[in-house]
Amino acid sequence: MPWKWTASGVNLKYLGPQPCGQETCDVVELTFEHVGLTPGDMYHAFVSQKSHLMIHWEYVLQTGRKGSWDWQYGDHKGIKLASNHVTSDHKQTINMGDVRILETVDDAFFTDPTHMLGALK
């Protein structure tokens, strides 16, 4: 989600600081101009003032459906990655599974479509 901020047609609006759990977050609203399949979606990203990581986001889809997710980070060889995402009501979880940081990767994984990422060791 944070990488989407730099895409063409994404509108960012700073909404100011807001409490989020035990932290204060800077809240950024994302809306879209004719981008993707659902340009009417709107997101509020909550970025921790302490860690500078996005720890929570809320959305209103163009269908009217609302929801929110908390991002849980793990430290993987010094790299912080959101490896678990949980809805605020704790009813749904998206777990990224076995997150690994590789020292080297065969170039074929970037150039040959027959090389599958699941084969990385």
PDB file of N, CA and C in Angstrom:
ATOM      1  N   MET A   1       0.813  -1.204   0.000  1.00  0.00           N
ATOM      2  CA  MET A   1       0.000   0.000   0.000  1.00  0.00           C
ATOM      3  C   MET A   1       0.856   1.268   0.000  1.00  0.00           C
ATOM      4  N   PRO A   2       1.918   1.368   0.795  1.00  0.00           N
ATOM      5  CA  PRO A   2       2.673   2.628   0.759  1.00  0.00           C
ATOM      6  C   PRO A   2       3.291   2.934  -0.608  1.00  0.00           C
ATOM      7  N   TRP A   3       3.591   1.932  -1.405  1.00  0.00           N
ATOM      8  CA  TRP A   3       4.193   2.184  -2.722  1.00  0.00           C
ATOM      9  C   TRP A   3       3.192   2.839  -3.670  1.00  0.00           C
ATOM     10  N   LYS A   4       1.927   2.655  -3.436  1.00  0.00           N
ATOM     11  CA  LYS A   4       0.890   3.240  -4.290  1.00  0.00           C
ATOM     12  C   LYS A   4       0.913   4.771  -4.222  1.00  0.00           C
ATOM     13  N   TRP A   5       1.432   5.329  -3.142  1.00  0.00           N
ATOM     14  CA  TRP A   5       1.432   6.769  -2.938  1.00  0.00           C
ATOM     15  C   TRP A   5       2.136   7.512  -4.063  1.00  0.00           C
ATOM     16  N   THR A   6       3.116   6.878  -4.688  1.00  0.00           N
ATOM     17  CA  THR A   6       3.919   7.559  -5.704  1.00  0.00           C
ATOM     18  C   THR A   6       3.368   7.371  -7.113  1.00  0.00           C
ATOM     19  N   ALA A   7       2.296   6.634  -7.272  1.00  0.00           N
ATOM     20  CA  ALA A   7       1.742   6.350  -8.603  1.00  0.00           C
ATOM     21  C   ALA A   7       1.064   7.585  -9.195  1.00  0.00           C
ATOM     22  N   SER A   8       1.090   7.665 -10.509  1.00  0.00           N
ATOM     23  CA  SER A   8       0.430   8.745 -11.223  1.00  0.00           C
ATOM     24  C   SER A   8      -1.078   8.684 -10.961  1.00  0.00           C
ATOM     25  N   GLY A   9      -1.684   9.848 -10.727  1.00  0.00           N
ATOM     26  CA  GLY A   9      -3.124   9.916 -10.515  1.00  0.00           C
ATOM     27  C   GLY A   9      -3.562   9.711  -9.074  1.00  0.00           C
ATOM     28  N   VAL A  10      -2.608   9.516  -8.164  1.00  0.00           N
ATOM     29  CA  VAL A  10      -2.941   9.372  -6.746  1.00  0.00           C
ATOM     30  C   VAL A  10      -2.887  10.754  -6.099  1.00  0.00           C
ATOM     31  N   ASN A  11      -3.962  11.105  -5.397  1.00  0.00           N
ATOM     32  CA  ASN A  11      -4.029  12.385  -4.687  1.00  0.00           C
ATOM     33  C   ASN A  11      -3.774  12.135  -3.210  1.00  0.00           C
ATOM     34  N   LEU A  12      -2.848  12.868  -2.637  1.00  0.00           N
ATOM     35  CA  LEU A  12      -2.524  12.744  -1.220  1.00  0.00           C
ATOM     36  C   LEU A  12      -2.960  14.014  -0.493  1.00  0.00           C
ATOM     37  N   LYS A  13      -3.566  13.830   0.691  1.00  0.00           N
ATOM     38  CA  LYS A  13      -3.976  14.967   1.500  1.00  0.00           C
ATOM     39  C   LYS A  13      -3.610  14.665   2.951  1.00  0.00           C
ATOM     40  N   TYR A  14      -2.816  15.518   3.555  1.00  0.00           N
ATOM     41  CA  TYR A  14      -2.440  15.340   4.955  1.00  0.00           C
ATOM     42  C   TYR A  14      -3.598  15.769   5.839  1.00  0.00           C
ATOM     43  N   LEU A  15      -4.052  14.856   6.712  1.00  0.00           N
ATOM     44  CA  LEU A  15      -5.189  15.143   7.587  1.00  0.00           C
ATOM     45  C   LEU A  15      -4.774  15.506   9.001  1.00  0.00           C
ATOM     46  N   GLY A  16      -3.472  15.461   9.283  1.00  0.00           N
ATOM     47  CA  GLY A  16      -2.983  15.835  10.605  1.00  0.00           C
ATOM     48  C   GLY A  16      -2.751  14.642  11.509  1.00  0.00           C
ATOM     49  N   PRO A  17      -2.295  14.906  12.730  1.00  0.00           N
ATOM     50  CA  PRO A  17      -2.042  13.829  13.690  1.00  0.00           C
ATOM     51  C   PRO A  17      -3.334  13.335  14.327  1.00  0.00           C
ATOM     52  N   GLN A  18      -3.384  12.020  14.571  1.00  0.00           N
ATOM     53  CA  GLN A  18      -4.529  11.411  15.250  1.00  0.00           C
ATOM     54  C   GLN A  18      -4.020  10.269  16.115  1.00  0.00           C
ATOM     55  N   PRO A  19      -4.704   9.988  17.226  1.00  0.00           N
ATOM     56  CA  PRO A  19      -4.322   8.825  18.026  1.00  0.00           C
ATOM     57  C   PRO A  19      -4.657   7.534  17.296  1.00  0.00           C
ATOM     58  N   CYS A  20      -3.809   6.542  17.477  1.00  0.00           N
ATOM     59  CA  CYS A  20      -4.019   5.211  16.888  1.00  0.00           C
ATOM     60  C   CYS A  20      -3.460   4.211  17.887  1.00  0.00           C
ATOM     61  N   GLY A  21      -4.354   3.590  18.644  1.00  0.00           N
ATOM     62  CA  GLY A  21      -3.896   2.695  19.699  1.00  0.00           C
ATOM     63  C   GLY A  21      -3.108   3.480  20.731  1.00  0.00           C
ATOM     64  N   GLN A  22      -1.900   3.020  21.032  1.00  0.00           N
ATOM     65  CA  GLN A  22      -1.048   3.681  22.020  1.00  0.00           C
ATOM     66  C   GLN A  22      -0.143   4.737  21.392  1.00  0.00           C
ATOM     67  N   GLU A  23      -0.317   5.024  20.106  1.00  0.00           N
ATOM     68  CA  GLU A  23       0.576   5.927  19.392  1.00  0.00           C
ATOM     69  C   GLU A  23      -0.177   7.116  18.807  1.00  0.00           C
ATOM     70  N   THR A  24       0.598   8.098  18.377  1.00  0.00           N
ATOM     71  CA  THR A  24       0.070   9.196  17.577  1.00  0.00           C
ATOM     72  C   THR A  24       0.571   8.978  16.166  1.00  0.00           C
ATOM     73  N   CYS A  25      -0.346   9.099  15.217  1.00  0.00           N
ATOM     74  CA  CYS A  25       0.000   8.867  13.813  1.00  0.00           C
ATOM     75  C   CYS A  25      -0.305  10.104  12.982  1.00  0.00           C
ATOM     76  N   ASP A  26       0.482  10.287  11.938  1.00  0.00           N
ATOM     77  CA  ASP A  26       0.145  11.255  10.899  1.00  0.00           C
ATOM     78  C   ASP A  26      -0.772  10.531   9.933  1.00  0.00           C
ATOM     79  N   VAL A  27      -1.893  11.148   9.588  1.00  0.00           N
ATOM     80  CA  VAL A  27      -2.883  10.498   8.736  1.00  0.00           C
ATOM     81  C   VAL A  27      -2.868  11.156   7.354  1.00  0.00           C
ATOM     82  N   VAL A  28      -2.767  10.307   6.337  1.00  0.00           N
ATOM     83  CA  VAL A  28      -2.748  10.759   4.948  1.00  0.00           C
ATOM     84  C   VAL A  28      -3.924  10.113   4.225  1.00  0.00           C
ATOM     85  N   GLU A  29      -4.704  10.934   3.530  1.00  0.00           N
ATOM     86  CA  GLU A  29      -5.830  10.438   2.733  1.00  0.00           C
ATOM     87  C   GLU A  29      -5.361  10.225   1.298  1.00  0.00           C
ATOM     88  N   LEU A  30      -5.721   9.068   0.736  1.00  0.00           N
ATOM     89  CA  LEU A  30      -5.414   8.758  -0.659  1.00  0.00           C
ATOM     90  C   LEU A  30      -6.725   8.656  -1.434  1.00  0.00           C
ATOM     91  N   THR A  31      -6.831   9.427  -2.493  1.00  0.00           N
ATOM     92  CA  THR A  31      -7.922   9.301  -3.449  1.00  0.00           C
ATOM     93  C   THR A  31      -7.294   9.202  -4.834  1.00  0.00           C
ATOM     94  N   PHE A  32      -8.103   8.897  -5.832  1.00  0.00           N
ATOM     95  CA  PHE A  32      -7.552   8.553  -7.139  1.00  0.00           C
ATOM     96  C   PHE A  32      -8.279   9.267  -8.266  1.00  0.00           C
ATOM     97  N   GLU A  33      -7.527   9.615  -9.306  1.00  0.00           N
ATOM     98  CA  GLU A  33      -8.081  10.216 -10.520  1.00  0.00           C
ATOM     99  C   GLU A  33      -7.985   9.205 -11.655  1.00  0.00           C
ATOM    100  N   HIS A  34      -9.059   8.519 -11.938  1.00  0.00           N
ATOM    101  CA  HIS A  34      -9.105   7.590 -13.074  1.00  0.00           C
ATOM    102  C   HIS A  34      -7.967   6.578 -13.029  1.00  0.00           C
ATOM    103  N   VAL A  35      -7.665   6.052 -11.841  1.00  0.00           N
ATOM    104  CA  VAL A  35      -6.564   5.101 -11.660  1.00  0.00           C
ATOM    105  C   VAL A  35      -7.141   3.736 -11.305  1.00  0.00           C
ATOM    106  N   GLY A  36      -6.722   2.707 -12.009  1.00  0.00           N
ATOM    107  CA  GLY A  36      -7.107   1.350 -11.678  1.00  0.00           C
ATOM    108  C   GLY A  36      -8.569   1.046 -11.946  1.00  0.00           C
ATOM    109  N   LEU A  37      -9.006  -0.078 -11.391  1.00  0.00           N
ATOM    110  CA  LEU A  37     -10.371  -0.550 -11.613  1.00  0.00           C
ATOM    111  C   LEU A  37     -11.381   0.067 -10.655  1.00  0.00           C
ATOM    112  N   THR A  38     -10.893   0.629  -9.550  1.00  0.00           N
ATOM    113  CA  THR A  38     -11.794   1.179  -8.540  1.00  0.00           C
ATOM    114  C   THR A  38     -11.354   2.593  -8.143  1.00  0.00           C
ATOM    115  N   PRO A  39     -11.467   3.550  -9.065  1.00  0.00           N
ATOM    116  CA  PRO A  39     -10.978   4.906  -8.778  1.00  0.00           C
ATOM    117  C   PRO A  39     -11.770   5.640  -7.702  1.00  0.00           C
ATOM    118  N   GLY A  40     -12.927   5.115  -7.317  1.00  0.00           N
ATOM    119  CA  GLY A  40     -13.730   5.759  -6.288  1.00  0.00           C
ATOM    120  C   GLY A  40     -13.362   5.345  -4.871  1.00  0.00           C
ATOM    121  N   ASP A  41     -12.396   4.446  -4.720  1.00  0.00           N
ATOM    122  CA  ASP A  41     -11.969   4.036  -3.388  1.00  0.00           C
ATOM    123  C   ASP A  41     -11.234   5.186  -2.692  1.00  0.00           C
ATOM    124  N   MET A  42     -11.271   5.205  -1.345  1.00  0.00           N
ATOM    125  CA  MET A  42     -10.557   6.196  -0.554  1.00  0.00           C
ATOM    126  C   MET A  42      -9.914   5.489   0.636  1.00  0.00           C
ATOM    127  N   TYR A  43      -8.686   5.868   0.947  1.00  0.00           N
ATOM    128  CA  TYR A  43      -7.951   5.261   2.044  1.00  0.00           C
ATOM    129  C   TYR A  43      -7.422   6.329   2.974  1.00  0.00           C
ATOM    130  N   HIS A  44      -7.347   5.983   4.262  1.00  0.00           N
ATOM    131  CA  HIS A  44      -6.652   6.798   5.245  1.00  0.00           C
ATOM    132  C   HIS A  44      -5.520   5.944   5.800  1.00  0.00           C
ATOM    133  N   ALA A  45      -4.301   6.406   5.577  1.00  0.00           N
ATOM    134  CA  ALA A  45      -3.114   5.694   6.042  1.00  0.00           C
ATOM    135  C   ALA A  45      -2.610   6.354   7.324  1.00  0.00           C
ATOM    136  N   PHE A  46      -2.393   5.549   8.359  1.00  0.00           N
ATOM    137  CA  PHE A  46      -1.927   6.031   9.650  1.00  0.00           C
ATOM    138  C   PHE A  46      -0.448   5.667   9.789  1.00  0.00           C
ATOM    139  N   VAL A  47       0.400   6.696   9.811  1.00  0.00           N
ATOM    140  CA  VAL A  47       1.845   6.505   9.867  1.00  0.00           C
ATOM    141  C   VAL A  47       2.328   6.900  11.257  1.00  0.00           C
ATOM    142  N   SER A  48       2.951   5.947  11.950  1.00  0.00           N
ATOM    143  CA  SER A  48       3.440   6.180  13.304  1.00  0.00           C
ATOM    144  C   SER A  48       4.455   7.318  13.331  1.00  0.00           C
ATOM    145  N   GLN A  49       4.244   8.279  14.231  1.00  0.00           N
ATOM    146  CA  GLN A  49       5.213   9.357  14.382  1.00  0.00           C
ATOM    147  C   GLN A  49       6.504   8.847  15.010  1.00  0.00           C
ATOM    148  N   LYS A  50       6.420   7.717  15.716  1.00  0.00           N
ATOM    149  CA  LYS A  50       7.605   7.169  16.378  1.00  0.00           C
ATOM    150  C   LYS A  50       8.442   6.322  15.414  1.00  0.00           C
ATOM    151  N   SER A  51       7.829   5.372  14.729  1.00  0.00           N
ATOM    152  CA  SER A  51       8.581   4.446  13.867  1.00  0.00           C
ATOM    153  C   SER A  51       8.616   4.896  12.401  1.00  0.00           C
ATOM    154  N   HIS A  52       7.705   5.803  12.008  1.00  0.00           N
ATOM    155  CA  HIS A  52       7.544   6.260  10.624  1.00  0.00           C
ATOM    156  C   HIS A  52       7.071   5.143   9.694  1.00  0.00           C
ATOM    157  N   LEU A  53       6.461   4.110  10.264  1.00  0.00           N
ATOM    158  CA  LEU A  53       5.889   3.010   9.496  1.00  0.00           C
ATOM    159  C   LEU A  53       4.370   3.152   9.480  1.00  0.00           C
ATOM    160  N   MET A  54       3.744   2.738   8.381  1.00  0.00           N
ATOM    161  CA  MET A  54       2.291   2.714   8.331  1.00  0.00           C
ATOM    162  C   MET A  54       1.820   1.540   9.189  1.00  0.00           C
ATOM    163  N   ILE A  55       1.044   1.832  10.230  1.00  0.00           N
ATOM    164  CA  ILE A  55       0.630   0.775  11.147  1.00  0.00           C
ATOM    165  C   ILE A  55      -0.861   0.455  11.065  1.00  0.00           C
ATOM    166  N   HIS A  56      -1.615   1.277  10.359  1.00  0.00           N
ATOM    167  CA  HIS A  56      -3.071   1.085  10.295  1.00  0.00           C
ATOM    168  C   HIS A  56      -3.572   1.788   9.041  1.00  0.00           C
ATOM    169  N   TRP A  57      -4.607   1.237   8.427  1.00  0.00           N
ATOM    170  CA  TRP A  57      -5.272   1.943   7.336  1.00  0.00           C
ATOM    171  C   TRP A  57      -6.745   1.646   7.358  1.00  0.00           C
ATOM    172  N   GLU A  58      -7.494   2.644   6.960  1.00  0.00           N
ATOM    173  CA  GLU A  58      -8.945   2.539   6.876  1.00  0.00           C
ATOM    174  C   GLU A  58      -9.341   2.816   5.437  1.00  0.00           C
ATOM    175  N   TYR A  59     -10.420   2.186   4.996  1.00  0.00           N
ATOM    176  CA  TYR A  59     -10.829   2.402   3.610  1.00  0.00           C
ATOM    177  C   TYR A  59     -12.343   2.522   3.506  1.00  0.00           C
ATOM    178  N   VAL A  60     -12.749   3.243   2.473  1.00  0.00           N
ATOM    179  CA  VAL A  60     -14.138   3.293   2.033  1.00  0.00           C
ATOM    180  C   VAL A  60     -14.079   3.006   0.538  1.00  0.00           C
ATOM    181  N   LEU A  61     -14.601   1.855   0.152  1.00  0.00           N
ATOM    182  CA  LEU A  61     -14.575   1.469  -1.256  1.00  0.00           C
ATOM    183  C   LEU A  61     -15.674   2.201  -2.011  1.00  0.00           C
ATOM    184  N   GLN A  62     -15.537   2.288  -3.316  1.00  0.00           N
ATOM    185  CA  GLN A  62     -16.549   2.986  -4.111  1.00  0.00           C
ATOM    186  C   GLN A  62     -17.910   2.312  -4.007  1.00  0.00           C
ATOM    187  N   THR A  63     -17.946   1.056  -3.540  1.00  0.00           N
ATOM    188  CA  THR A  63     -19.207   0.354  -3.316  1.00  0.00           C
ATOM    189  C   THR A  63     -19.873   0.781  -2.013  1.00  0.00           C
ATOM    190  N   GLY A  64     -19.140   1.538  -1.170  1.00  0.00           N
ATOM    191  CA  GLY A  64     -19.646   1.944   0.134  1.00  0.00           C
ATOM    192  C   GLY A  64     -19.138   1.065   1.269  1.00  0.00           C
ATOM    193  N   ARG A  65     -18.537  -0.072   0.936  1.00  0.00           N
ATOM    194  CA  ARG A  65     -18.005  -0.962   1.971  1.00  0.00           C
ATOM    195  C   ARG A  65     -16.851  -0.278   2.704  1.00  0.00           C
ATOM    196  N   LYS A  66     -16.837  -0.423   4.052  1.00  0.00           N
ATOM    197  CA  LYS A  66     -15.801   0.180   4.891  1.00  0.00           C
ATOM    198  C   LYS A  66     -15.047  -0.907   5.641  1.00  0.00           C
ATOM    199  N   GLY A  67     -13.828  -0.607   6.001  1.00  0.00           N
ATOM    200  CA  GLY A  67     -13.040  -1.534   6.795  1.00  0.00           C
ATOM    201  C   GLY A  67     -11.725  -0.920   7.216  1.00  0.00           C
ATOM    202  N   SER A  68     -10.954  -1.690   7.956  1.00  0.00           N
ATOM    203  CA  SER A  68      -9.641  -1.221   8.391  1.00  0.00           C
ATOM    204  C   SER A  68      -8.749  -2.417   8.709  1.00  0.00           C
ATOM    205  N   TRP A  69      -7.460  -2.182   8.600  1.00  0.00           N
ATOM    206  CA  TRP A  69      -6.448  -3.211   8.852  1.00  0.00           C
ATOM    207  C   TRP A  69      -5.317  -2.632   9.694  1.00  0.00           C
ATOM    208  N   ASP A  70      -4.819  -3.429  10.614  1.00  0.00           N
ATOM    209  CA  ASP A  70      -3.618  -3.093  11.364  1.00  0.00           C
ATOM    210  C   ASP A  70      -2.450  -3.859  10.757  1.00  0.00           C
ATOM    211  N   TRP A  71      -1.322  -3.198  10.619  1.00  0.00           N
ATOM    212  CA  TRP A  71      -0.129  -3.817  10.051  1.00  0.00           C
ATOM    213  C   TRP A  71       0.825  -4.158  11.186  1.00  0.00           C
ATOM    214  N   GLN A  72       1.282  -5.395  11.214  1.00  0.00           N
ATOM    215  CA  GLN A  72       2.217  -5.867  12.237  1.00  0.00           C
ATOM    216  C   GLN A  72       3.546  -6.176  11.562  1.00  0.00           C
ATOM    217  N   TYR A  73       4.597  -5.558  12.058  1.00  0.00           N
ATOM    218  CA  TYR A  73       5.904  -5.649  11.421  1.00  0.00           C
ATOM    219  C   TYR A  73       6.799  -6.659  12.109  1.00  0.00           C
ATOM    220  N   GLY A  74       7.639  -7.285  11.310  1.00  0.00           N
ATOM    221  CA  GLY A  74       8.695  -8.145  11.810  1.00  0.00           C
ATOM    222  C   GLY A  74      10.024  -7.604  11.322  1.00  0.00           C
ATOM    223  N   ASP A  75      11.077  -7.932  12.046  1.00  0.00           N
ATOM    224  CA  ASP A  75      12.417  -7.521  11.652  1.00  0.00           C
ATOM    225  C   ASP A  75      13.078  -8.710  10.976  1.00  0.00           C
ATOM    226  N   HIS A  76      13.418  -8.555   9.718  1.00  0.00           N
ATOM    227  CA  HIS A  76      14.001  -9.632   8.920  1.00  0.00           C
ATOM    228  C   HIS A  76      15.382  -9.200   8.459  1.00  0.00           C
ATOM    229  N   LYS A  77      16.385  -9.650   9.209  1.00  0.00           N
ATOM    230  CA  LYS A  77      17.789  -9.286   8.923  1.00  0.00           C
ATOM    231  C   LYS A  77      17.958  -7.777   8.819  1.00  0.00           C
ATOM    232  N   GLY A  78      17.346  -7.062   9.741  1.00  0.00           N
ATOM    233  CA  GLY A  78      17.480  -5.614   9.778  1.00  0.00           C
ATOM    234  C   GLY A  78      16.511  -4.858   8.892  1.00  0.00           C
ATOM    235  N   ILE A  79      15.652  -5.568   8.178  1.00  0.00           N
ATOM    236  CA  ILE A  79      14.662  -4.934   7.311  1.00  0.00           C
ATOM    237  C   ILE A  79      13.282  -5.129   7.928  1.00  0.00           C
ATOM    238  N   LYS A  80      12.585  -4.045   8.173  1.00  0.00           N
ATOM    239  CA  LYS A  80      11.237  -4.138   8.739  1.00  0.00           C
ATOM    240  C   LYS A  80      10.229  -4.336   7.613  1.00  0.00           C
ATOM    241  N   LEU A  81       9.475  -5.424   7.700  1.00  0.00           N
ATOM    242  CA  LEU A  81       8.441  -5.728   6.715  1.00  0.00           C
ATOM    243  C   LEU A  81       7.132  -6.023   7.435  1.00  0.00           C
ATOM    244  N   ALA A  82       6.031  -5.545   6.864  1.00  0.00           N
ATOM    245  CA  ALA A  82       4.716  -5.859   7.425  1.00  0.00           C
ATOM    246  C   ALA A  82       4.382  -7.284   7.024  1.00  0.00           C
ATOM    247  N   SER A  83       4.634  -8.209   7.918  1.00  0.00           N
ATOM    248  CA  SER A  83       4.460  -9.624   7.600  1.00  0.00           C
ATOM    249  C   SER A  83       3.111 -10.163   8.043  1.00  0.00           C
ATOM    250  N   ASN A  84       2.344  -9.361   8.761  1.00  0.00           N
ATOM    251  CA  ASN A  84       1.020  -9.796   9.194  1.00  0.00           C
ATOM    252  C   ASN A  84       0.080  -8.591   9.163  1.00  0.00           C
ATOM    253  N   HIS A  85      -1.130  -8.818   8.671  1.00  0.00           N
ATOM    254  CA  HIS A  85      -2.150  -7.770   8.599  1.00  0.00           C
ATOM    255  C   HIS A  85      -3.413  -8.336   9.231  1.00  0.00           C
ATOM    256  N   VAL A  86      -4.019  -7.570  10.131  1.00  0.00           N
ATOM    257  CA  VAL A  86      -5.184  -8.048  10.873  1.00  0.00           C
ATOM    258  C   VAL A  86      -6.276  -6.986  10.822  1.00  0.00           C
ATOM    259  N   THR A  87      -7.516  -7.420  10.540  1.00  0.00           N
ATOM    260  CA  THR A  87      -8.610  -6.460  10.597  1.00  0.00           C
ATOM    261  C   THR A  87      -8.764  -5.986  12.031  1.00  0.00           C
ATOM    262  N   SER A  88      -9.244  -4.773  12.180  1.00  0.00           N
ATOM    263  CA  SER A  88      -9.351  -4.193  13.524  1.00  0.00           C
ATOM    264  C   SER A  88     -10.253  -4.999  14.445  1.00  0.00           C
ATOM    265  N   ASP A  89     -11.206  -5.755  13.887  1.00  0.00           N
ATOM    266  CA  ASP A  89     -12.067  -6.604  14.717  1.00  0.00           C
ATOM    267  C   ASP A  89     -11.451  -7.994  14.934  1.00  0.00           C
ATOM    268  N   HIS A  90     -10.245  -8.218  14.403  1.00  0.00           N
ATOM    269  CA  HIS A  90      -9.482  -9.470  14.532  1.00  0.00           C
ATOM    270  C   HIS A  90     -10.176 -10.676  13.908  1.00  0.00           C
ATOM    271  N   LYS A  91     -11.092 -10.453  12.973  1.00  0.00           N
ATOM    272  CA  LYS A  91     -11.794 -11.564  12.328  1.00  0.00           C
ATOM    273  C   LYS A  91     -11.069 -12.085  11.098  1.00  0.00           C
ATOM    274  N   GLN A  92     -10.198 -11.263  10.497  1.00  0.00           N
ATOM    275  CA  GLN A  92      -9.463 -11.701   9.312  1.00  0.00           C
ATOM    276  C   GLN A  92      -7.984 -11.384   9.480  1.00  0.00           C
ATOM    277  N   THR A  93      -7.159 -12.258   8.922  1.00  0.00           N
ATOM    278  CA  THR A  93      -5.710 -12.078   8.966  1.00  0.00           C
ATOM    279  C   THR A  93      -5.130 -12.391   7.597  1.00  0.00           C
ATOM    280  N   ILE A  94      -4.185 -11.580   7.185  1.00  0.00           N
ATOM    281  CA  ILE A  94      -3.377 -11.895   6.008  1.00  0.00           C
ATOM    282  C   ILE A  94      -1.947 -12.020   6.512  1.00  0.00           C
ATOM    283  N   ASN A  95      -1.426 -13.224   6.457  1.00  0.00           N
ATOM    284  CA  ASN A  95      -0.065 -13.476   6.911  1.00  0.00           C
ATOM    285  C   ASN A  95       0.806 -13.727   5.691  1.00  0.00           C
ATOM    286  N   MET A  96       1.924 -13.049   5.630  1.00  0.00           N
ATOM    287  CA  MET A  96       2.821 -13.164   4.478  1.00  0.00           C
ATOM    288  C   MET A  96       3.638 -14.451   4.490  1.00  0.00           C
ATOM    289  N   GLY A  97       3.480 -15.265   5.515  1.00  0.00           N
ATOM    290  CA  GLY A  97       4.160 -16.558   5.552  1.00  0.00           C
ATOM    291  C   GLY A  97       5.635 -16.439   5.870  1.00  0.00           C
ATOM    292  N   ASP A  98       6.410 -17.316   5.284  1.00  0.00           N
ATOM    293  CA  ASP A  98       7.841 -17.413   5.541  1.00  0.00           C
ATOM    294  C   ASP A  98       8.580 -16.295   4.810  1.00  0.00           C
ATOM    295  N   VAL A  99       8.752 -15.175   5.487  1.00  0.00           N
ATOM    296  CA  VAL A  99       9.453 -14.040   4.885  1.00  0.00           C
ATOM    297  C   VAL A  99      10.947 -14.270   5.036  1.00  0.00           C
ATOM    298  N   ARG A 100      11.649 -14.214   3.904  1.00  0.00           N
ATOM    299  CA  ARG A 100      13.099 -14.421   3.921  1.00  0.00           C
ATOM    300  C   ARG A 100      13.794 -13.292   3.182  1.00  0.00           C
ATOM    301  N   ILE A 101      14.942 -12.932   3.662  1.00  0.00           N
ATOM    302  CA  ILE A 101      15.794 -11.954   3.000  1.00  0.00           C
ATOM    303  C   ILE A 101      16.974 -12.740   2.436  1.00  0.00           C
ATOM    304  N   LEU A 102      17.118 -12.732   1.133  1.00  0.00           N
ATOM    305  CA  LEU A 102      18.173 -13.493   0.470  1.00  0.00           C
ATOM    306  C   LEU A 102      19.383 -12.603   0.210  1.00  0.00           C
ATOM    307  N   GLU A 103      20.561 -13.182   0.356  1.00  0.00           N
ATOM    308  CA  GLU A 103      21.793 -12.455   0.074  1.00  0.00           C
ATOM    309  C   GLU A 103      21.994 -12.294  -1.432  1.00  0.00           C
ATOM    310  N   THR A 104      21.657 -13.324  -2.196  1.00  0.00           N
ATOM    311  CA  THR A 104      21.791 -13.285  -3.648  1.00  0.00           C
ATOM    312  C   THR A 104      20.603 -14.018  -4.267  1.00  0.00           C
ATOM    313  N   VAL A 105      20.297 -13.652  -5.508  1.00  0.00           N
ATOM    314  CA  VAL A 105      19.215 -14.295  -6.251  1.00  0.00           C
ATOM    315  C   VAL A 105      19.696 -14.490  -7.689  1.00  0.00           C
ATOM    316  N   ASP A 106      19.467 -15.658  -8.221  1.00  0.00           N
ATOM    317  CA  ASP A 106      19.811 -15.955  -9.608  1.00  0.00           C
ATOM    318  C   ASP A 106      19.078 -14.979 -10.529  1.00  0.00           C
ATOM    319  N   ASP A 107      19.793 -14.340 -11.445  1.00  0.00           N
ATOM    320  CA  ASP A 107      19.195 -13.380 -12.368  1.00  0.00           C
ATOM    321  C   ASP A 107      18.020 -13.963 -13.152  1.00  0.00           C
ATOM    322  N   ALA A 108      17.999 -15.271 -13.338  1.00  0.00           N
ATOM    323  CA  ALA A 108      16.936 -15.905 -14.110  1.00  0.00           C
ATOM    324  C   ALA A 108      15.557 -15.667 -13.482  1.00  0.00           C
ATOM    325  N   PHE A 109      15.487 -15.437 -12.183  1.00  0.00           N
ATOM    326  CA  PHE A 109      14.201 -15.164 -11.551  1.00  0.00           C
ATOM    327  C   PHE A 109      13.602 -13.846 -12.037  1.00  0.00           C
ATOM    328  N   PHE A 110      14.419 -12.974 -12.617  1.00  0.00           N
ATOM    329  CA  PHE A 110      13.948 -11.699 -13.136  1.00  0.00           C
ATOM    330  C   PHE A 110      13.806 -11.697 -14.655  1.00  0.00           C
ATOM    331  N   THR A 111      14.390 -12.686 -15.313  1.00  0.00           N
ATOM    332  CA  THR A 111      14.413 -12.673 -16.779  1.00  0.00           C
ATOM    333  C   THR A 111      13.722 -13.865 -17.424  1.00  0.00           C
ATOM    334  N   ASP A 112      13.585 -14.964 -16.709  1.00  0.00           N
ATOM    335  CA  ASP A 112      13.040 -16.198 -17.281  1.00  0.00           C
ATOM    336  C   ASP A 112      11.724 -16.537 -16.583  1.00  0.00           C
ATOM    337  N   PRO A 113      10.581 -16.414 -17.277  1.00  0.00           N
ATOM    338  CA  PRO A 113       9.282 -16.661 -16.633  1.00  0.00           C
ATOM    339  C   PRO A 113       9.076 -18.095 -16.146  1.00  0.00           C
ATOM    340  N   THR A 114       9.923 -19.031 -16.570  1.00  0.00           N
ATOM    341  CA  THR A 114       9.764 -20.405 -16.079  1.00  0.00           C
ATOM    342  C   THR A 114      10.338 -20.585 -14.680  1.00  0.00           C
ATOM    343  N   HIS A 115      11.150 -19.645 -14.218  1.00  0.00           N
ATOM    344  CA  HIS A 115      11.671 -19.690 -12.839  1.00  0.00           C
ATOM    345  C   HIS A 115      10.597 -19.181 -11.907  1.00  0.00           C
ATOM    346  N   MET A 116      10.184 -19.997 -10.990  1.00  0.00           N
ATOM    347  CA  MET A 116       9.121 -19.629 -10.069  1.00  0.00           C
ATOM    348  C   MET A 116       9.712 -19.131  -8.746  1.00  0.00           C
ATOM    349  N   LEU A 117       9.131 -18.071  -8.205  1.00  0.00           N
ATOM    350  CA  LEU A 117       9.640 -17.526  -6.948  1.00  0.00           C
ATOM    351  C   LEU A 117       9.544 -18.522  -5.802  1.00  0.00           C
ATOM    352  N   GLY A 118       8.585 -19.428  -5.872  1.00  0.00           N
ATOM    353  CA  GLY A 118       8.442 -20.438  -4.815  1.00  0.00           C
ATOM    354  C   GLY A 118       9.638 -21.353  -4.720  1.00  0.00           C
ATOM    355  N   ALA A 119      10.460 -21.405  -5.754  1.00  0.00           N
ATOM    356  CA  ALA A 119      11.638 -22.251  -5.748  1.00  0.00           C
ATOM    357  C   ALA A 119      12.825 -21.594  -5.044  1.00  0.00           C
ATOM    358  N   LEU A 120      12.698 -20.341  -4.666  1.00  0.00           N
ATOM    359  CA  LEU A 120      13.808 -19.668  -3.976  1.00  0.00           C
ATOM    360  C   LEU A 120      14.064 -20.341  -2.639  1.00  0.00           C
ATOM    361  N   LYS A 121      15.284 -20.554  -2.335  1.00  0.00           N
ATOM    362  CA  LYS A 121      15.674 -21.183  -1.054  1.00  0.00           C
ATOM    363  C   LYS A 121      16.371 -20.184  -0.167  1.00  0.00           C
TER     364      LYS A 121
END
